[in-house]
């Protein structure tokens, strides 16, 4: 679990370096962002997903991307030193973070299979 948190923090740093609209002050801030994002995803995201089932069905699941974006914006408001320049940067950050985390998870699975 600690390794997953550290990898998520590295993913946050990578995304902040790639996207000019996302700003992270350093590794410790990225670690806090990863932790708060994990807590928000555990506690708040399931409630939002359930409440927005009708619109999610109508949009064929694309509204889940909006929920992820809102989670990033919420964490940006909660964590000092982590700033997102607007909705579209949060959207791009959410997509990039998902991509980088997927790559890290794939690497972890490959290492555990060998």
PDB file of N, CA and C in Angstrom:
ATOM      1  N   UNK A   1       0.817  -1.190   0.000  1.00  0.00           N
ATOM      2  CA  UNK A   1       0.000   0.000   0.000  1.00  0.00           C
ATOM      3  C   UNK A   1       0.865   1.260   0.000  1.00  0.00           C
ATOM      4  N   UNK A   2       1.938   1.231   0.759  1.00  0.00           N
ATOM      5  CA  UNK A   2       2.856   2.366   0.794  1.00  0.00           C
ATOM      6  C   UNK A   2       3.529   2.565  -0.561  1.00  0.00           C
ATOM      7  N   UNK A   3       3.869   1.466  -1.206  1.00  0.00           N
ATOM      8  CA  UNK A   3       4.488   1.550  -2.534  1.00  0.00           C
ATOM      9  C   UNK A   3       3.495   2.147  -3.535  1.00  0.00           C
ATOM     10  N   UNK A   4       2.238   1.754  -3.445  1.00  0.00           N
ATOM     11  CA  UNK A   4       1.211   2.303  -4.344  1.00  0.00           C
ATOM     12  C   UNK A   4       1.042   3.808  -4.121  1.00  0.00           C
ATOM     13  N   UNK A   5       1.097   4.259  -2.858  1.00  0.00           N
ATOM     14  CA  UNK A   5       0.989   5.678  -2.545  1.00  0.00           C
ATOM     15  C   UNK A   5       2.179   6.455  -3.105  1.00  0.00           C
ATOM     16  N   UNK A   6       3.370   5.900  -2.975  1.00  0.00           N
ATOM     17  CA  UNK A   6       4.570   6.554  -3.510  1.00  0.00           C
ATOM     18  C   UNK A   6       4.510   6.612  -5.029  1.00  0.00           C
ATOM     19  N   UNK A   7       4.069   5.527  -5.657  1.00  0.00           N
ATOM     20  CA  UNK A   7       3.928   5.538  -7.116  1.00  0.00           C
ATOM     21  C   UNK A   7       2.877   6.550  -7.573  1.00  0.00           C
ATOM     22  N   UNK A   8       1.813   6.685  -6.815  1.00  0.00           N
ATOM     23  CA  UNK A   8       0.796   7.688  -7.146  1.00  0.00           C
ATOM     24  C   UNK A   8       1.363   9.096  -7.007  1.00  0.00           C
ATOM     25  N   UNK A   9       2.186   9.320  -6.000  1.00  0.00           N
ATOM     26  CA  UNK A   9       2.827  10.628  -5.831  1.00  0.00           C
ATOM     27  C   UNK A   9       3.762  10.922  -6.994  1.00  0.00           C
ATOM     28  N   UNK A  10       4.502   9.918  -7.440  1.00  0.00           N
ATOM     29  CA  UNK A  10       5.375  10.094  -8.609  1.00  0.00           C
ATOM     30  C   UNK A  10       4.532  10.390  -9.849  1.00  0.00           C
ATOM     31  N   UNK A  11       3.391   9.720  -9.969  1.00  0.00           N
ATOM     32  CA  UNK A  11       2.490   9.979 -11.095  1.00  0.00           C
ATOM     33  C   UNK A  11       1.968  11.410 -11.058  1.00  0.00           C
ATOM     34  N   UNK A  12       1.652  11.916  -9.871  1.00  0.00           N
ATOM     35  CA  UNK A  12       1.201  13.307  -9.721  1.00  0.00           C
ATOM     36  C   UNK A  12       2.308  14.255 -10.174  1.00  0.00           C
ATOM     37  N   UNK A  13       3.547  13.973  -9.771  1.00  0.00           N
ATOM     38  CA  UNK A  13       4.674  14.818 -10.188  1.00  0.00           C
ATOM     39  C   UNK A  13       4.871  14.787 -11.698  1.00  0.00           C
ATOM     40  N   UNK A  14       4.804  13.607 -12.279  1.00  0.00           N
ATOM     41  CA  UNK A  14       4.973  13.482 -13.735  1.00  0.00           C
ATOM     42  C   UNK A  14       3.903  14.289 -14.458  1.00  0.00           C
ATOM     43  N   UNK A  15       2.672  14.160 -14.016  1.00  0.00           N
ATOM     44  CA  UNK A  15       1.570  14.884 -14.663  1.00  0.00           C
ATOM     45  C   UNK A  15       1.715  16.395 -14.503  1.00  0.00           C
ATOM     46  N   UNK A  16       2.214  16.820 -13.344  1.00  0.00           N
ATOM     47  CA  UNK A  16       2.389  18.264 -13.144  1.00  0.00           C
ATOM     48  C   UNK A  16       3.520  18.816 -14.002  1.00  0.00           C
ATOM     49  N   UNK A  17       4.521  17.999 -14.291  1.00  0.00           N
ATOM     50  CA  UNK A  17       5.606  18.453 -15.174  1.00  0.00           C
ATOM     51  C   UNK A  17       5.167  18.491 -16.633  1.00  0.00           C
ATOM     52  N   UNK A  18       4.293  17.570 -17.018  1.00  0.00           N
ATOM     53  CA  UNK A  18       3.846  17.485 -18.407  1.00  0.00           C
ATOM     54  C   UNK A  18       2.784  18.542 -18.719  1.00  0.00           C
ATOM     55  N   UNK A  19       1.910  18.811 -17.776  1.00  0.00           N
ATOM     56  CA  UNK A  19       0.797  19.734 -18.006  1.00  0.00           C
ATOM     57  C   UNK A  19       1.106  21.109 -17.406  1.00  0.00           C
ATOM     58  N   UNK A  20       1.133  22.148 -18.224  1.00  0.00           N
ATOM     59  CA  UNK A  20       1.458  23.477 -17.698  1.00  0.00           C
ATOM     60  C   UNK A  20       0.364  24.071 -16.807  1.00  0.00           C
ATOM     61  N   UNK A  21      -0.830  23.510 -16.803  1.00  0.00           N
ATOM     62  CA  UNK A  21      -1.913  24.031 -15.978  1.00  0.00           C
ATOM     63  C   UNK A  21      -2.016  23.374 -14.616  1.00  0.00           C
ATOM     64  N   UNK A  22      -1.103  22.462 -14.303  1.00  0.00           N
ATOM     65  CA  UNK A  22      -1.089  21.779 -13.013  1.00  0.00           C
ATOM     66  C   UNK A  22       0.228  22.094 -12.316  1.00  0.00           C
ATOM     67  N   UNK A  23       0.144  22.472 -11.038  1.00  0.00           N
ATOM     68  CA  UNK A  23       1.332  22.901 -10.308  1.00  0.00           C
ATOM     69  C   UNK A  23       1.412  22.166  -8.969  1.00  0.00           C
ATOM     70  N   UNK A  24       2.548  21.531  -8.726  1.00  0.00           N
ATOM     71  CA  UNK A  24       2.810  20.843  -7.463  1.00  0.00           C
ATOM     72  C   UNK A  24       4.130  21.371  -6.926  1.00  0.00           C
ATOM     73  N   UNK A  25       4.156  21.732  -5.640  1.00  0.00           N
ATOM     74  CA  UNK A  25       5.350  22.356  -5.060  1.00  0.00           C
ATOM     75  C   UNK A  25       6.512  21.398  -4.817  1.00  0.00           C
ATOM     76  N   UNK A  26       6.270  20.123  -4.747  1.00  0.00           N
ATOM     77  CA  UNK A  26       7.355  19.183  -4.507  1.00  0.00           C
ATOM     78  C   UNK A  26       6.833  17.795  -4.225  1.00  0.00           C
ATOM     79  N   UNK A  27       7.766  16.894  -3.891  1.00  0.00           N
ATOM     80  CA  UNK A  27       7.380  15.504  -3.690  1.00  0.00           C
ATOM     81  C   UNK A  27       6.463  15.332  -2.485  1.00  0.00           C
ATOM     82  N   UNK A  28       6.736  16.057  -1.397  1.00  0.00           N
ATOM     83  CA  UNK A  28       5.878  15.912  -0.210  1.00  0.00           C
ATOM     84  C   UNK A  28       4.452  16.369  -0.510  1.00  0.00           C
ATOM     85  N   UNK A  29       4.318  17.439  -1.274  1.00  0.00           N
ATOM     86  CA  UNK A  29       2.980  17.892  -1.678  1.00  0.00           C
ATOM     87  C   UNK A  29       2.317  16.838  -2.559  1.00  0.00           C
ATOM     88  N   UNK A  30       3.084  16.260  -3.478  1.00  0.00           N
ATOM     89  CA  UNK A  30       2.548  15.212  -4.348  1.00  0.00           C
ATOM     90  C   UNK A  30       2.117  14.006  -3.519  1.00  0.00           C
ATOM     91  N   UNK A  31       2.853  13.687  -2.476  1.00  0.00           N
ATOM     92  CA  UNK A  31       2.495  12.574  -1.601  1.00  0.00           C
ATOM     93  C   UNK A  31       1.176  12.866  -0.875  1.00  0.00           C
ATOM     94  N   UNK A  32       1.028  14.103  -0.406  1.00  0.00           N
ATOM     95  CA  UNK A  32      -0.224  14.493   0.248  1.00  0.00           C
ATOM     96  C   UNK A  32      -1.377  14.465  -0.756  1.00  0.00           C
ATOM     97  N   UNK A  33      -1.126  14.952  -1.974  1.00  0.00           N
ATOM     98  CA  UNK A  33      -2.158  14.927  -3.023  1.00  0.00           C
ATOM     99  C   UNK A  33      -2.589  13.485  -3.288  1.00  0.00           C
ATOM    100  N   UNK A  34      -1.640  12.583  -3.417  1.00  0.00           N
ATOM    101  CA  UNK A  34      -1.964  11.178  -3.676  1.00  0.00           C
ATOM    102  C   UNK A  34      -2.789  10.592  -2.528  1.00  0.00           C
ATOM    103  N   UNK A  35      -2.419  10.914  -1.296  1.00  0.00           N
ATOM    104  CA  UNK A  35      -3.164  10.408  -0.145  1.00  0.00           C
ATOM    105  C   UNK A  35      -4.570  10.969  -0.056  1.00  0.00           C
ATOM    106  N   UNK A  36      -4.697  12.288  -0.219  1.00  0.00           N
ATOM    107  CA  UNK A  36      -6.016  12.925  -0.148  1.00  0.00           C
ATOM    108  C   UNK A  36      -6.893  12.438  -1.305  1.00  0.00           C
ATOM    109  N   UNK A  37      -6.300  12.306  -2.486  1.00  0.00           N
ATOM    110  CA  UNK A  37      -7.064  11.810  -3.636  1.00  0.00           C
ATOM    111  C   UNK A  37      -7.559  10.382  -3.383  1.00  0.00           C
ATOM    112  N   UNK A  38      -6.728   9.567  -2.771  1.00  0.00           N
ATOM    113  CA  UNK A  38      -7.148   8.202  -2.441  1.00  0.00           C
ATOM    114  C   UNK A  38      -8.310   8.216  -1.450  1.00  0.00           C
ATOM    115  N   UNK A  39      -8.227   9.070  -0.440  1.00  0.00           N
ATOM    116  CA  UNK A  39      -9.296   9.159   0.569  1.00  0.00           C
ATOM    117  C   UNK A  39     -10.589   9.673  -0.066  1.00  0.00           C
ATOM    118  N   UNK A  40     -10.477  10.709  -0.904  1.00  0.00           N
ATOM    119  CA  UNK A  40     -11.654  11.264  -1.575  1.00  0.00           C
ATOM    120  C   UNK A  40     -12.281  10.218  -2.489  1.00  0.00           C
ATOM    121  N   UNK A  41     -11.441   9.455  -3.199  1.00  0.00           N
ATOM    122  CA  UNK A  41     -11.959   8.418  -4.092  1.00  0.00           C
ATOM    123  C   UNK A  41     -12.638   7.289  -3.324  1.00  0.00           C
ATOM    124  N   UNK A  42     -12.182   7.026  -2.116  1.00  0.00           N
ATOM    125  CA  UNK A  42     -12.788   5.967  -1.307  1.00  0.00           C
ATOM    126  C   UNK A  42     -14.102   6.434  -0.684  1.00  0.00           C
ATOM    127  N   UNK A  43     -14.118   7.665  -0.174  1.00  0.00           N
ATOM    128  CA  UNK A  43     -15.278   8.135   0.584  1.00  0.00           C
ATOM    129  C   UNK A  43     -16.336   8.846  -0.253  1.00  0.00           C
ATOM    130  N   UNK A  44     -15.928   9.739  -1.136  1.00  0.00           N
ATOM    131  CA  UNK A  44     -16.873  10.610  -1.817  1.00  0.00           C
ATOM    132  C   UNK A  44     -17.279  10.118  -3.207  1.00  0.00           C
ATOM    133  N   UNK A  45     -16.332   9.544  -3.939  1.00  0.00           N
ATOM    134  CA  UNK A  45     -16.614   9.153  -5.315  1.00  0.00           C
ATOM    135  C   UNK A  45     -17.759   8.138  -5.439  1.00  0.00           C
ATOM    136  N   UNK A  46     -17.823   7.103  -4.591  1.00  0.00           N
ATOM    137  CA  UNK A  46     -18.945   6.152  -4.736  1.00  0.00           C
ATOM    138  C   UNK A  46     -20.314   6.813  -4.564  1.00  0.00           C
ATOM    139  N   UNK A  47     -20.396   7.787  -3.656  1.00  0.00           N
ATOM    140  CA  UNK A  47     -21.660   8.492  -3.442  1.00  0.00           C
ATOM    141  C   UNK A  47     -22.037   9.273  -4.696  1.00  0.00           C
ATOM    142  N   UNK A  48     -21.063   9.983  -5.272  1.00  0.00           N
ATOM    143  CA  UNK A  48     -21.329  10.755  -6.487  1.00  0.00           C
ATOM    144  C   UNK A  48     -21.703   9.855  -7.662  1.00  0.00           C
ATOM    145  N   UNK A  49     -21.046   8.717  -7.758  1.00  0.00           N
ATOM    146  CA  UNK A  49     -21.353   7.787  -8.850  1.00  0.00           C
ATOM    147  C   UNK A  49     -22.786   7.285  -8.726  1.00  0.00           C
ATOM    148  N   UNK A  50     -23.189   6.934  -7.521  1.00  0.00           N
ATOM    149  CA  UNK A  50     -24.558   6.446  -7.315  1.00  0.00           C
ATOM    150  C   UNK A  50     -25.578   7.548  -7.604  1.00  0.00           C
ATOM    151  N   UNK A  51     -25.301   8.765  -7.136  1.00  0.00           N
ATOM    152  CA  UNK A  51     -26.250   9.864  -7.334  1.00  0.00           C
ATOM    153  C   UNK A  51     -26.380  10.280  -8.798  1.00  0.00           C
ATOM    154  N   UNK A  52     -25.343  10.007  -9.591  1.00  0.00           N
ATOM    155  CA  UNK A  52     -25.363  10.446 -10.990  1.00  0.00           C
ATOM    156  C   UNK A  52     -25.559   9.297 -11.972  1.00  0.00           C
ATOM    157  N   UNK A  53     -26.091   8.188 -11.505  1.00  0.00           N
ATOM    158  CA  UNK A  53     -26.308   7.044 -12.395  1.00  0.00           C
ATOM    159  C   UNK A  53     -27.145   7.416 -13.628  1.00  0.00           C
ATOM    160  N   UNK A  54     -28.234   8.161 -13.478  1.00  0.00           N
ATOM    161  CA  UNK A  54     -29.020   8.474 -14.686  1.00  0.00           C
ATOM    162  C   UNK A  54     -28.219   9.231 -15.752  1.00  0.00           C
ATOM    163  N   UNK A  55     -27.500  10.254 -15.359  1.00  0.00           N
ATOM    164  CA  UNK A  55     -26.731  11.021 -16.352  1.00  0.00           C
ATOM    165  C   UNK A  55     -25.553  10.198 -16.884  1.00  0.00           C
ATOM    166  N   UNK A  56     -24.998   9.334 -16.043  1.00  0.00           N
ATOM    167  CA  UNK A  56     -23.906   8.465 -16.491  1.00  0.00           C
ATOM    168  C   UNK A  56     -24.407   7.491 -17.549  1.00  0.00           C
ATOM    169  N   UNK A  57     -25.599   6.956 -17.358  1.00  0.00           N
ATOM    170  CA  UNK A  57     -26.173   6.037 -18.340  1.00  0.00           C
ATOM    171  C   UNK A  57     -26.455   6.766 -19.645  1.00  0.00           C
ATOM    172  N   UNK A  58     -27.027   7.956 -19.549  1.00  0.00           N
ATOM    173  CA  UNK A  58     -27.365   8.732 -20.747  1.00  0.00           C
ATOM    174  C   UNK A  58     -26.107   9.090 -21.544  1.00  0.00           C
ATOM    175  N   UNK A  59     -25.003   9.378 -20.833  1.00  0.00           N
ATOM    176  CA  UNK A  59     -23.755   9.761 -21.515  1.00  0.00           C
ATOM    177  C   UNK A  59     -22.850   8.553 -21.783  1.00  0.00           C
ATOM    178  N   UNK A  60     -23.387   7.359 -21.617  1.00  0.00           N
ATOM    179  CA  UNK A  60     -22.623   6.116 -21.844  1.00  0.00           C
ATOM    180  C   UNK A  60     -21.347   6.049 -21.014  1.00  0.00           C
ATOM    181  N   UNK A  61     -21.407   6.546 -19.794  1.00  0.00           N
ATOM    182  CA  UNK A  61     -20.286   6.462 -18.860  1.00  0.00           C
ATOM    183  C   UNK A  61     -19.311   7.617 -18.922  1.00  0.00           C
ATOM    184  N   UNK A  62     -19.465   8.502 -19.889  1.00  0.00           N
ATOM    185  CA  UNK A  62     -18.516   9.614 -20.017  1.00  0.00           C
ATOM    186  C   UNK A  62     -18.617  10.600 -18.859  1.00  0.00           C
ATOM    187  N   UNK A  63     -19.752  10.633 -18.171  1.00  0.00           N
ATOM    188  CA  UNK A  63     -19.880  11.545 -17.032  1.00  0.00           C
ATOM    189  C   UNK A  63     -18.938  11.160 -15.900  1.00  0.00           C
ATOM    190  N   UNK A  64     -18.488   9.915 -15.875  1.00  0.00           N
ATOM    191  CA  UNK A  64     -17.508   9.507 -14.865  1.00  0.00           C
ATOM    192  C   UNK A  64     -16.213  10.312 -15.003  1.00  0.00           C
ATOM    193  N   UNK A  65     -15.884  10.740 -16.226  1.00  0.00           N
ATOM    194  CA  UNK A  65     -14.715  11.603 -16.418  1.00  0.00           C
ATOM    195  C   UNK A  65     -14.922  12.949 -15.742  1.00  0.00           C
ATOM    196  N   UNK A  66     -16.144  13.442 -15.775  1.00  0.00           N
ATOM    197  CA  UNK A  66     -16.458  14.705 -15.094  1.00  0.00           C
ATOM    198  C   UNK A  66     -16.329  14.529 -13.584  1.00  0.00           C
ATOM    199  N   UNK A  67     -16.783  13.408 -13.073  1.00  0.00           N
ATOM    200  CA  UNK A  67     -16.653  13.138 -11.636  1.00  0.00           C
ATOM    201  C   UNK A  67     -15.178  13.094 -11.243  1.00  0.00           C
ATOM    202  N   UNK A  68     -14.348  12.420 -12.046  1.00  0.00           N
ATOM    203  CA  UNK A  68     -12.908  12.388 -11.761  1.00  0.00           C
ATOM    204  C   UNK A  68     -12.313  13.790 -11.778  1.00  0.00           C
ATOM    205  N   UNK A  69     -12.748  14.609 -12.725  1.00  0.00           N
ATOM    206  CA  UNK A  69     -12.269  15.986 -12.814  1.00  0.00           C
ATOM    207  C   UNK A  69     -12.660  16.771 -11.573  1.00  0.00           C
ATOM    208  N   UNK A  70     -13.876  16.601 -11.120  1.00  0.00           N
ATOM    209  CA  UNK A  70     -14.328  17.295  -9.914  1.00  0.00           C
ATOM    210  C   UNK A  70     -13.547  16.842  -8.684  1.00  0.00           C
ATOM    211  N   UNK A  71     -13.168  15.574  -8.635  1.00  0.00           N
ATOM    212  CA  UNK A  71     -12.347  15.073  -7.525  1.00  0.00           C
ATOM    213  C   UNK A  71     -10.977  15.762  -7.519  1.00  0.00           C
ATOM    214  N   UNK A  72     -10.391  15.927  -8.698  1.00  0.00           N
ATOM    215  CA  UNK A  72      -9.097  16.614  -8.811  1.00  0.00           C
ATOM    216  C   UNK A  72      -9.240  18.068  -8.364  1.00  0.00           C
ATOM    217  N   UNK A  73     -10.313  18.727  -8.783  1.00  0.00           N
ATOM    218  CA  UNK A  73     -10.525  20.119  -8.391  1.00  0.00           C
ATOM    219  C   UNK A  73     -10.742  20.244  -6.883  1.00  0.00           C
ATOM    220  N   UNK A  74     -11.447  19.286  -6.285  1.00  0.00           N
ATOM    221  CA  UNK A  74     -11.652  19.287  -4.843  1.00  0.00           C
ATOM    222  C   UNK A  74     -10.321  19.145  -4.111  1.00  0.00           C
ATOM    223  N   UNK A  75      -9.497  18.204  -4.546  1.00  0.00           N
ATOM    224  CA  UNK A  75      -8.194  17.999  -3.913  1.00  0.00           C
ATOM    225  C   UNK A  75      -7.324  19.243  -4.088  1.00  0.00           C
ATOM    226  N   UNK A  76      -7.431  19.892  -5.237  1.00  0.00           N
ATOM    227  CA  UNK A  76      -6.695  21.126  -5.468  1.00  0.00           C
ATOM    228  C   UNK A  76      -7.096  22.205  -4.463  1.00  0.00           C
ATOM    229  N   UNK A  77      -8.358  22.240  -4.104  1.00  0.00           N
ATOM    230  CA  UNK A  77      -8.814  23.196  -3.106  1.00  0.00           C
ATOM    231  C   UNK A  77      -8.428  22.833  -1.688  1.00  0.00           C
ATOM    232  N   UNK A  78      -8.224  21.543  -1.437  1.00  0.00           N
ATOM    233  CA  UNK A  78      -7.905  21.080  -0.080  1.00  0.00           C
ATOM    234  C   UNK A  78      -6.417  21.090   0.242  1.00  0.00           C
ATOM    235  N   UNK A  79      -5.576  20.849  -0.750  1.00  0.00           N
ATOM    236  CA  UNK A  79      -4.140  20.684  -0.506  1.00  0.00           C
ATOM    237  C   UNK A  79      -3.393  21.946  -0.922  1.00  0.00           C
ATOM    238  N   UNK A  80      -2.786  22.643   0.049  1.00  0.00           N
ATOM    239  CA  UNK A  80      -1.965  23.799  -0.329  1.00  0.00           C
ATOM    240  C   UNK A  80      -0.723  23.342  -1.087  1.00  0.00           C
ATOM    241  N   UNK A  81      -0.373  24.091  -2.111  1.00  0.00           N
ATOM    242  CA  UNK A  81       0.783  23.719  -2.921  1.00  0.00           C
ATOM    243  C   UNK A  81       0.428  22.899  -4.144  1.00  0.00           C
ATOM    244  N   UNK A  82      -0.846  22.570  -4.286  1.00  0.00           N
ATOM    245  CA  UNK A  82      -1.334  21.850  -5.466  1.00  0.00           C
ATOM    246  C   UNK A  82      -2.404  22.708  -6.110  1.00  0.00           C
ATOM    247  N   UNK A  83      -2.101  23.219  -7.294  1.00  0.00           N
ATOM    248  CA  UNK A  83      -3.010  24.128  -7.971  1.00  0.00           C
ATOM    249  C   UNK A  83      -3.295  23.653  -9.386  1.00  0.00           C
ATOM    250  N   UNK A  84      -4.557  23.747  -9.763  1.00  0.00           N
ATOM    251  CA  UNK A  84      -5.001  23.438 -11.117  1.00  0.00           C
ATOM    252  C   UNK A  84      -5.622  24.713 -11.670  1.00  0.00           C
ATOM    253  N   UNK A  85      -5.284  25.062 -12.902  1.00  0.00           N
ATOM    254  CA  UNK A  85      -5.690  26.336 -13.484  1.00  0.00           C
ATOM    255  C   UNK A  85      -7.108  26.370 -14.052  1.00  0.00           C
ATOM    256  N   UNK A  86      -7.895  25.353 -13.855  1.00  0.00           N
ATOM    257  CA  UNK A  86      -9.270  25.380 -14.342  1.00  0.00           C
ATOM    258  C   UNK A  86      -9.797  23.988 -14.615  1.00  0.00           C
ATOM    259  N   UNK A  87     -11.064  23.947 -15.027  1.00  0.00           N
ATOM    260  CA  UNK A  87     -11.742  22.670 -15.254  1.00  0.00           C
ATOM    261  C   UNK A  87     -11.028  21.826 -16.296  1.00  0.00           C
ATOM    262  N   UNK A  88     -10.644  22.426 -17.437  1.00  0.00           N
ATOM    263  CA  UNK A  88     -10.055  21.641 -18.524  1.00  0.00           C
ATOM    264  C   UNK A  88      -8.668  21.126 -18.162  1.00  0.00           C
ATOM    265  N   UNK A  89      -7.913  21.906 -17.372  1.00  0.00           N
ATOM    266  CA  UNK A  89      -6.622  21.393 -16.896  1.00  0.00           C
ATOM    267  C   UNK A  89      -6.832  20.255 -15.905  1.00  0.00           C
ATOM    268  N   UNK A  90      -7.858  20.364 -15.083  1.00  0.00           N
ATOM    269  CA  UNK A  90      -8.176  19.268 -14.158  1.00  0.00           C
ATOM    270  C   UNK A  90      -8.598  18.025 -14.930  1.00  0.00           C
ATOM    271  N   UNK A  91      -9.354  18.237 -16.013  1.00  0.00           N
ATOM    272  CA  UNK A  91      -9.767  17.127 -16.871  1.00  0.00           C
ATOM    273  C   UNK A  91      -8.543  16.445 -17.484  1.00  0.00           C
ATOM    274  N   UNK A  92      -7.626  17.248 -18.033  1.00  0.00           N
ATOM    275  CA  UNK A  92      -6.407  16.697 -18.632  1.00  0.00           C
ATOM    276  C   UNK A  92      -5.543  16.019 -17.576  1.00  0.00           C
ATOM    277  N   UNK A  93      -5.459  16.616 -16.386  1.00  0.00           N
ATOM    278  CA  UNK A  93      -4.679  16.035 -15.294  1.00  0.00           C
ATOM    279  C   UNK A  93      -5.269  14.686 -14.890  1.00  0.00           C
ATOM    280  N   UNK A  94      -6.584  14.608 -14.826  1.00  0.00           N
ATOM    281  CA  UNK A  94      -7.260  13.364 -14.469  1.00  0.00           C
ATOM    282  C   UNK A  94      -6.951  12.261 -15.478  1.00  0.00           C
ATOM    283  N   UNK A  95      -7.031  12.591 -16.764  1.00  0.00           N
ATOM    284  CA  UNK A  95      -6.716  11.608 -17.807  1.00  0.00           C
ATOM    285  C   UNK A  95      -5.245  11.180 -17.751  1.00  0.00           C
ATOM    286  N   UNK A  96      -4.354  12.163 -17.613  1.00  0.00           N
ATOM    287  CA  UNK A  96      -2.922  11.853 -17.569  1.00  0.00           C
ATOM    288  C   UNK A  96      -2.586  11.023 -16.333  1.00  0.00           C
ATOM    289  N   UNK A  97      -3.180  11.365 -15.201  1.00  0.00           N
ATOM    290  CA  UNK A  97      -2.924  10.620 -13.968  1.00  0.00           C
ATOM    291  C   UNK A  97      -3.401   9.174 -14.098  1.00  0.00           C
ATOM    292  N   UNK A  98      -4.551   8.985 -14.708  1.00  0.00           N
ATOM    293  CA  UNK A  98      -5.051   7.625 -14.933  1.00  0.00           C
ATOM    294  C   UNK A  98      -4.110   6.842 -15.838  1.00  0.00           C
ATOM    295  N   UNK A  99      -3.604   7.489 -16.873  1.00  0.00           N
ATOM    296  CA  UNK A  99      -2.687   6.837 -17.798  1.00  0.00           C
ATOM    297  C   UNK A  99      -1.389   6.445 -17.108  1.00  0.00           C
ATOM    298  N   UNK A 100      -0.788   7.370 -16.373  1.00  0.00           N
ATOM    299  CA  UNK A 100       0.483   7.091 -15.695  1.00  0.00           C
ATOM    300  C   UNK A 100       0.293   6.016 -14.627  1.00  0.00           C
ATOM    301  N   UNK A 101      -0.792   6.098 -13.858  1.00  0.00           N
ATOM    302  CA  UNK A 101      -1.050   5.063 -12.851  1.00  0.00           C
ATOM    303  C   UNK A 101      -1.265   3.696 -13.494  1.00  0.00           C
ATOM    304  N   UNK A 102      -1.903   3.657 -14.658  1.00  0.00           N
ATOM    305  CA  UNK A 102      -2.085   2.389 -15.370  1.00  0.00           C
ATOM    306  C   UNK A 102      -0.751   1.801 -15.804  1.00  0.00           C
ATOM    307  N   UNK A 103       0.147   2.651 -16.276  1.00  0.00           N
ATOM    308  CA  UNK A 103       1.479   2.185 -16.670  1.00  0.00           C
ATOM    309  C   UNK A 103       2.212   1.613 -15.459  1.00  0.00           C
ATOM    310  N   UNK A 104       2.137   2.334 -14.319  1.00  0.00           N
ATOM    311  CA  UNK A 104       2.796   1.845 -13.103  1.00  0.00           C
ATOM    312  C   UNK A 104       2.209   0.523 -12.634  1.00  0.00           C
ATOM    313  N   UNK A 105       0.889   0.389 -12.701  1.00  0.00           N
ATOM    314  CA  UNK A 105       0.256  -0.864 -12.293  1.00  0.00           C
ATOM    315  C   UNK A 105       0.659  -2.009 -13.220  1.00  0.00           C
ATOM    316  N   UNK A 106       0.759  -1.727 -14.510  1.00  0.00           N
ATOM    317  CA  UNK A 106       1.217  -2.738 -15.460  1.00  0.00           C
ATOM    318  C   UNK A 106       2.643  -3.177 -15.170  1.00  0.00           C
ATOM    319  N   UNK A 107       3.490  -2.223 -14.818  1.00  0.00           N
ATOM    320  CA  UNK A 107       4.877  -2.561 -14.471  1.00  0.00           C
ATOM    321  C   UNK A 107       4.935  -3.389 -13.207  1.00  0.00           C
ATOM    322  N   UNK A 108       4.074  -3.054 -12.213  1.00  0.00           N
ATOM    323  CA  UNK A 108       4.031  -3.824 -10.979  1.00  0.00           C
ATOM    324  C   UNK A 108       3.574  -5.252 -11.235  1.00  0.00           C
ATOM    325  N   UNK A 109       2.567  -5.430 -12.089  1.00  0.00           N
ATOM    326  CA  UNK A 109       2.080  -6.762 -12.410  1.00  0.00           C
ATOM    327  C   UNK A 109       3.138  -7.587 -13.131  1.00  0.00           C
ATOM    328  N   UNK A 110       3.867  -6.948 -14.043  1.00  0.00           N
ATOM    329  CA  UNK A 110       4.927  -7.662 -14.737  1.00  0.00           C
ATOM    330  C   UNK A 110       6.018  -8.106 -13.781  1.00  0.00           C
ATOM    331  N   UNK A 111       6.357  -7.268 -12.807  1.00  0.00           N
ATOM    332  CA  UNK A 111       7.397  -7.627 -11.840  1.00  0.00           C
ATOM    333  C   UNK A 111       6.928  -8.733 -10.905  1.00  0.00           C
ATOM    334  N   UNK A 112       5.629  -8.740 -10.563  1.00  0.00           N
ATOM    335  CA  UNK A 112       5.137  -9.764  -9.652  1.00  0.00           C
ATOM    336  C   UNK A 112       4.971 -11.118 -10.364  1.00  0.00           C
ATOM    337  N   UNK A 113       4.786 -11.100 -11.688  1.00  0.00           N
ATOM    338  CA  UNK A 113       4.648 -12.350 -12.441  1.00  0.00           C
ATOM    339  C   UNK A 113       5.994 -13.015 -12.695  1.00  0.00           C
ATOM    340  N   UNK A 114       7.056 -12.250 -12.661  1.00  0.00           N
ATOM    341  CA  UNK A 114       8.399 -12.820 -12.952  1.00  0.00           C
ATOM    342  C   UNK A 114       9.051 -13.367 -11.747  1.00  0.00           C
TER     343      UNK A 114
END
